[in-house]
């Protein structure tokens, strides 16, 4: 196979002419198509970056909102616990006051009953003493004077 210099030169010239014709008629269209495609790719990449940034911001916002909600829930639980403790303490304090009041009323009632029993016992002792002295003397004596004497005696003895 022999190399024909003229043929190679003609092929190179034809190729250059073909490139010039293609450049003259089609280069702008090809360039615009390539540029449009590159621009579309750039826009897609930019939009993807923007979407990724937006998703990151939304994730951060959601995390912040979730953290805030958890904190609010914790604060609410603490407030409710404090309120429940306050109500519990109030109920217990009311119960203690009521119990003290009942005990005080019972003590007062016991003292009244004790005084009443002492008075009734004293009256019975006086009546028995008057009756015994009448029987011992065989006659009736001045009952009011006798009661006065017996009451004085009982008070001195401490009954």
C-alpha atoms as a PDB file:
ATOM      1  CA  UNK A   1       0.000   0.000   0.000  1.00  0.00           C
ATOM      2  CA  UNK A   2       1.576   3.025  -1.110  1.00  0.00           C
ATOM      3  CA  UNK A   3       1.040   6.400   0.258  1.00  0.00           C
ATOM      4  CA  UNK A   4      -0.124   8.859  -2.161  1.00  0.00           C
ATOM      5  CA  UNK A   5       0.850  12.315  -1.039  1.00  0.00           C
ATOM      6  CA  UNK A   6      -1.717  14.038  -3.200  1.00  0.00           C
ATOM      7  CA  UNK A   7      -4.487  11.933  -1.906  1.00  0.00           C
ATOM      8  CA  UNK A   8      -3.545  12.664   1.708  1.00  0.00           C
ATOM      9  CA  UNK A   9      -3.330  16.344   0.924  1.00  0.00           C
ATOM     10  CA  UNK A  10      -6.733  16.264  -0.794  1.00  0.00           C
ATOM     11  CA  UNK A  11      -8.249  14.437   2.169  1.00  0.00           C
ATOM     12  CA  UNK A  12      -6.839  16.993   4.588  1.00  0.00           C
ATOM     13  CA  UNK A  13      -8.122  19.856   2.450  1.00  0.00           C
ATOM     14  CA  UNK A  14     -11.559  18.190   2.157  1.00  0.00           C
ATOM     15  CA  UNK A  15     -11.643  17.699   5.896  1.00  0.00           C
ATOM     16  CA  UNK A  16     -10.741  21.345   6.539  1.00  0.00           C
ATOM     17  CA  UNK A  17     -13.386  22.502   4.053  1.00  0.00           C
ATOM     18  CA  UNK A  18     -15.959  20.216   5.697  1.00  0.00           C
ATOM     19  CA  UNK A  19     -15.106  21.634   9.110  1.00  0.00           C
ATOM     20  CA  UNK A  20     -15.357  25.190   7.791  1.00  0.00           C
ATOM     21  CA  UNK A  21     -18.737  24.460   6.165  1.00  0.00           C
ATOM     22  CA  UNK A  22     -19.991  22.770   9.333  1.00  0.00           C
ATOM     23  CA  UNK A  23     -18.677  25.637  11.402  1.00  0.00           C
ATOM     24  CA  UNK A  24     -20.261  28.193   9.154  1.00  0.00           C
ATOM     25  CA  UNK A  25     -23.705  26.556   8.964  1.00  0.00           C
ATOM     26  CA  UNK A  26     -24.014  24.432  12.120  1.00  0.00           C
ATOM     27  CA  UNK A  27     -21.475  25.649  14.721  1.00  0.00           C
ATOM     28  CA  UNK A  28     -23.800  28.282  16.226  1.00  0.00           C
ATOM     29  CA  UNK A  29     -26.652  25.785  16.514  1.00  0.00           C
ATOM     30  CA  UNK A  30     -24.384  23.167  18.082  1.00  0.00           C
ATOM     31  CA  UNK A  31     -22.844  25.804  20.378  1.00  0.00           C
ATOM     32  CA  UNK A  32     -26.317  27.018  21.418  1.00  0.00           C
ATOM     33  CA  UNK A  33     -27.455  23.434  22.056  1.00  0.00           C
ATOM     34  CA  UNK A  34     -24.331  22.716  24.114  1.00  0.00           C
ATOM     35  CA  UNK A  35     -24.678  26.038  25.980  1.00  0.00           C
ATOM     36  CA  UNK A  36     -28.399  25.417  26.590  1.00  0.00           C
ATOM     37  CA  UNK A  37     -27.653  21.931  27.860  1.00  0.00           C
ATOM     38  CA  UNK A  38     -24.842  23.261  30.073  1.00  0.00           C
ATOM     39  CA  UNK A  39     -27.142  25.995  31.378  1.00  0.00           C
ATOM     40  CA  UNK A  40     -29.890  23.432  32.080  1.00  0.00           C
ATOM     41  CA  UNK A  41     -27.369  21.250  33.914  1.00  0.00           C
ATOM     42  CA  UNK A  42     -26.097  24.269  35.881  1.00  0.00           C
ATOM     43  CA  UNK A  43     -29.671  25.269  36.777  1.00  0.00           C
ATOM     44  CA  UNK A  44     -30.454  21.706  37.842  1.00  0.00           C
ATOM     45  CA  UNK A  45     -27.331  21.598  40.023  1.00  0.00           C
ATOM     46  CA  UNK A  46     -28.150  25.037  41.471  1.00  0.00           C
ATOM     47  CA  UNK A  47     -31.748  23.975  42.173  1.00  0.00           C
ATOM     48  CA  UNK A  48     -30.517  20.755  43.761  1.00  0.00           C
ATOM     49  CA  UNK A  49     -28.133  22.780  45.949  1.00  0.00           C
ATOM     50  CA  UNK A  50     -30.949  25.181  46.872  1.00  0.00           C
ATOM     51  CA  UNK A  51     -33.266  22.255  47.643  1.00  0.00           C
ATOM     52  CA  UNK A  52     -30.563  20.622  49.761  1.00  0.00           C
ATOM     53  CA  UNK A  53     -30.034  23.904  51.663  1.00  0.00           C
ATOM     54  CA  UNK A  54     -33.789  24.310  52.087  1.00  0.00           C
ATOM     55  CA  UNK A  55     -34.061  20.728  53.360  1.00  0.00           C
ATOM     56  CA  UNK A  56     -31.181  21.352  55.770  1.00  0.00           C
ATOM     57  CA  UNK A  57     -32.855  24.535  57.075  1.00  0.00           C
ATOM     58  CA  UNK A  58     -36.190  22.706  57.420  1.00  0.00           C
ATOM     59  CA  UNK A  59     -34.464  19.870  59.279  1.00  0.00           C
ATOM     60  CA  UNK A  60     -32.792  22.370  61.614  1.00  0.00           C
ATOM     61  CA  UNK A  61     -36.107  24.194  62.118  1.00  0.00           C
ATOM     62  CA  UNK A  62     -37.868  20.902  62.816  1.00  0.00           C
ATOM     63  CA  UNK A  63     -35.160  19.896  65.281  1.00  0.00           C
ATOM     64  CA  UNK A  64     -35.441  23.297  66.983  1.00  0.00           C
ATOM     65  CA  UNK A  65     -39.249  23.022  67.115  1.00  0.00           C
ATOM     66  CA  UNK A  66     -39.015  19.467  68.470  1.00  0.00           C
ATOM     67  CA  UNK A  67     -36.489  20.537  71.094  1.00  0.00           C
ATOM     68  CA  UNK A  68     -38.703  23.481  72.031  1.00  0.00           C
ATOM     69  CA  UNK A  69     -41.753  21.201  72.258  1.00  0.00           C
ATOM     70  CA  UNK A  70     -39.838  18.768  74.456  1.00  0.00           C
ATOM     71  CA  UNK A  71     -38.701  21.642  76.681  1.00  0.00           C
ATOM     72  CA  UNK A  72     -42.249  23.015  76.856  1.00  0.00           C
ATOM     73  CA  UNK A  73     -43.522  19.535  77.727  1.00  0.00           C
ATOM     74  CA  UNK A  74     -40.895  19.180  80.439  1.00  0.00           C
ATOM     75  CA  UNK A  75     -41.765  22.607  81.866  1.00  0.00           C
ATOM     76  CA  UNK A  76     -45.471  21.779  81.754  1.00  0.00           C
ATOM     77  CA  UNK A  77     -44.861  18.472  83.558  1.00  0.00           C
ATOM     78  CA  UNK A  78     -42.812  20.294  86.202  1.00  0.00           C
ATOM     79  CA  UNK A  79     -45.513  22.940  86.640  1.00  0.00           C
ATOM     80  CA  UNK A  80     -48.216  20.275  86.892  1.00  0.00           C
ATOM     81  CA  UNK A  81     -46.124  18.345  89.420  1.00  0.00           C
ATOM     82  CA  UNK A  82     -45.576  21.508  91.472  1.00  0.00           C
ATOM     83  CA  UNK A  83     -49.301  22.253  91.326  1.00  0.00           C
ATOM     84  CA  UNK A  84     -50.137  18.678  92.345  1.00  0.00           C
ATOM     85  CA  UNK A  85     -47.616  18.883  95.204  1.00  0.00           C
ATOM     86  CA  UNK A  86     -49.110  22.201  96.295  1.00  0.00           C
ATOM     87  CA  UNK A  87     -52.640  20.772  96.231  1.00  0.00           C
ATOM     88  CA  UNK A  88     -51.457  17.646  98.077  1.00  0.00           C
ATOM     89  CA  UNK A  89     -49.770  19.791 100.742  1.00  0.00           C
ATOM     90  CA  UNK A  90     -52.870  21.957 101.016  1.00  0.00           C
ATOM     91  CA  UNK A  91     -55.088  18.889 101.456  1.00  0.00           C
ATOM     92  CA  UNK A  92     -52.731  17.394 104.042  1.00  0.00           C
ATOM     93  CA  UNK A  93     -52.502  20.715 105.896  1.00  0.00           C
ATOM     94  CA  UNK A  94     -56.297  21.045 105.860  1.00  0.00           C
ATOM     95  CA  UNK A  95     -56.596  17.488 107.170  1.00  0.00           C
ATOM     96  CA  UNK A  96     -54.091  18.242 109.952  1.00  0.00           C
ATOM     97  CA  UNK A  97     -55.939  21.424 110.896  1.00  0.00           C
ATOM     98  CA  UNK A  98     -59.257  19.568 110.886  1.00  0.00           C
ATOM     99  CA  UNK A  99     -57.767  16.765 112.994  1.00  0.00           C
ATOM    100  CA  UNK A 100     -56.372  19.303 115.471  1.00  0.00           C
ATOM    101  CA  UNK A 101     -59.740  21.025 115.592  1.00  0.00           C
ATOM    102  CA  UNK A 102     -61.497  17.717 116.248  1.00  0.00           C
ATOM    103  CA  UNK A 103     -58.953  16.829 118.948  1.00  0.00           C
ATOM    104  CA  UNK A 104     -59.337  20.264 120.574  1.00  0.00           C
ATOM    105  CA  UNK A 105     -63.136  20.005 120.521  1.00  0.00           C
ATOM    106  CA  UNK A 106     -62.894  16.496 121.967  1.00  0.00           C
ATOM    107  CA  UNK A 107     -60.542  17.723 124.720  1.00  0.00           C
ATOM    108  CA  UNK A 108     -62.906  20.597 125.527  1.00  0.00           C
ATOM    109  CA  UNK A 109     -65.835  18.165 125.605  1.00  0.00           C
ATOM    110  CA  UNK A 110     -63.848  15.815 127.855  1.00  0.00           C
ATOM    111  CA  UNK A 111     -63.062  18.709 130.225  1.00  0.00           C
ATOM    112  CA  UNK A 112     -66.733  19.704 130.286  1.00  0.00           C
ATOM    113  CA  UNK A 113     -67.786  16.143 130.993  1.00  0.00           C
ATOM    114  CA  UNK A 114     -65.111  15.872 133.692  1.00  0.00           C
ATOM    115  CA  UNK A 115     -66.340  19.078 135.339  1.00  0.00           C
ATOM    116  CA  UNK A 116     -69.908  17.874 135.067  1.00  0.00           C
ATOM    117  CA  UNK A 117     -69.024  14.511 136.624  1.00  0.00           C
ATOM    118  CA  UNK A 118     -67.061  16.244 139.390  1.00  0.00           C
ATOM    119  CA  UNK A 119     -69.994  18.554 140.091  1.00  0.00           C
ATOM    120  CA  UNK A 120     -72.485  15.674 140.092  1.00  0.00           C
ATOM    121  CA  UNK A 121     -70.171  13.614 142.322  1.00  0.00           C
ATOM    122  CA  UNK A 122     -69.809  16.545 144.693  1.00  0.00           C
ATOM    123  CA  UNK A 123     -73.583  16.968 144.834  1.00  0.00           C
ATOM    124  CA  UNK A 124     -74.020  13.264 145.531  1.00  0.00           C
ATOM    125  CA  UNK A 125     -71.386  13.407 148.290  1.00  0.00           C
ATOM    126  CA  UNK A 126     -73.180  16.404 149.832  1.00  0.00           C
ATOM    127  CA  UNK A 127     -76.557  14.676 149.607  1.00  0.00           C
ATOM    128  CA  UNK A 128     -75.158  11.489 151.143  1.00  0.00           C
ATOM    129  CA  UNK A 129     -73.410  13.487 153.872  1.00  0.00           C
ATOM    130  CA  UNK A 130     -76.610  15.364 154.730  1.00  0.00           C
ATOM    131  CA  UNK A 131     -78.551  12.139 154.795  1.00  0.00           C
ATOM    132  CA  UNK A 132     -75.936  10.400 156.975  1.00  0.00           C
ATOM    133  CA  UNK A 133     -75.747  13.270 159.432  1.00  0.00           C
ATOM    134  CA  UNK A 134     -79.541  13.386 159.740  1.00  0.00           C
ATOM    135  CA  UNK A 135     -79.607   9.677 160.454  1.00  0.00           C
ATOM    136  CA  UNK A 136     -76.728   9.955 162.898  1.00  0.00           C
ATOM    137  CA  UNK A 137     -78.293  12.848 164.776  1.00  0.00           C
ATOM    138  CA  UNK A 138     -81.771  11.542 164.439  1.00  0.00           C
ATOM    139  CA  UNK A 139     -83.138  14.924 163.575  1.00  0.00           C
ATOM    140  CA  UNK A 140     -83.188  17.365 160.714  1.00  0.00           C
ATOM    141  CA  UNK A 141     -80.647  20.149 160.756  1.00  0.00           C
ATOM    142  CA  UNK A 142     -80.513  23.319 158.710  1.00  0.00           C
ATOM    143  CA  UNK A 143     -79.883  21.839 155.302  1.00  0.00           C
ATOM    144  CA  UNK A 144     -78.464  24.993 153.681  1.00  0.00           C
ATOM    145  CA  UNK A 145     -75.975  25.502 156.520  1.00  0.00           C
ATOM    146  CA  UNK A 146     -75.060  21.836 156.432  1.00  0.00           C
ATOM    147  CA  UNK A 147     -74.524  21.916 152.629  1.00  0.00           C
ATOM    148  CA  UNK A 148     -72.313  24.964 153.021  1.00  0.00           C
ATOM    149  CA  UNK A 149     -70.159  23.197 155.622  1.00  0.00           C
ATOM    150  CA  UNK A 150     -69.833  20.069 153.511  1.00  0.00           C
ATOM    151  CA  UNK A 151     -68.957  22.080 150.366  1.00  0.00           C
ATOM    152  CA  UNK A 152     -66.246  23.921 152.292  1.00  0.00           C
ATOM    153  CA  UNK A 153     -64.862  20.613 153.531  1.00  0.00           C
ATOM    154  CA  UNK A 154     -64.896  19.069 150.043  1.00  0.00           C
ATOM    155  CA  UNK A 155     -63.096  22.078 148.582  1.00  0.00           C
ATOM    156  CA  UNK A 156     -60.449  21.902 151.286  1.00  0.00           C
ATOM    157  CA  UNK A 157     -59.960  18.184 150.642  1.00  0.00           C
ATOM    158  CA  UNK A 158     -59.802  18.837 146.885  1.00  0.00           C
ATOM    159  CA  UNK A 159     -62.558  16.666 145.468  1.00  0.00           C
END
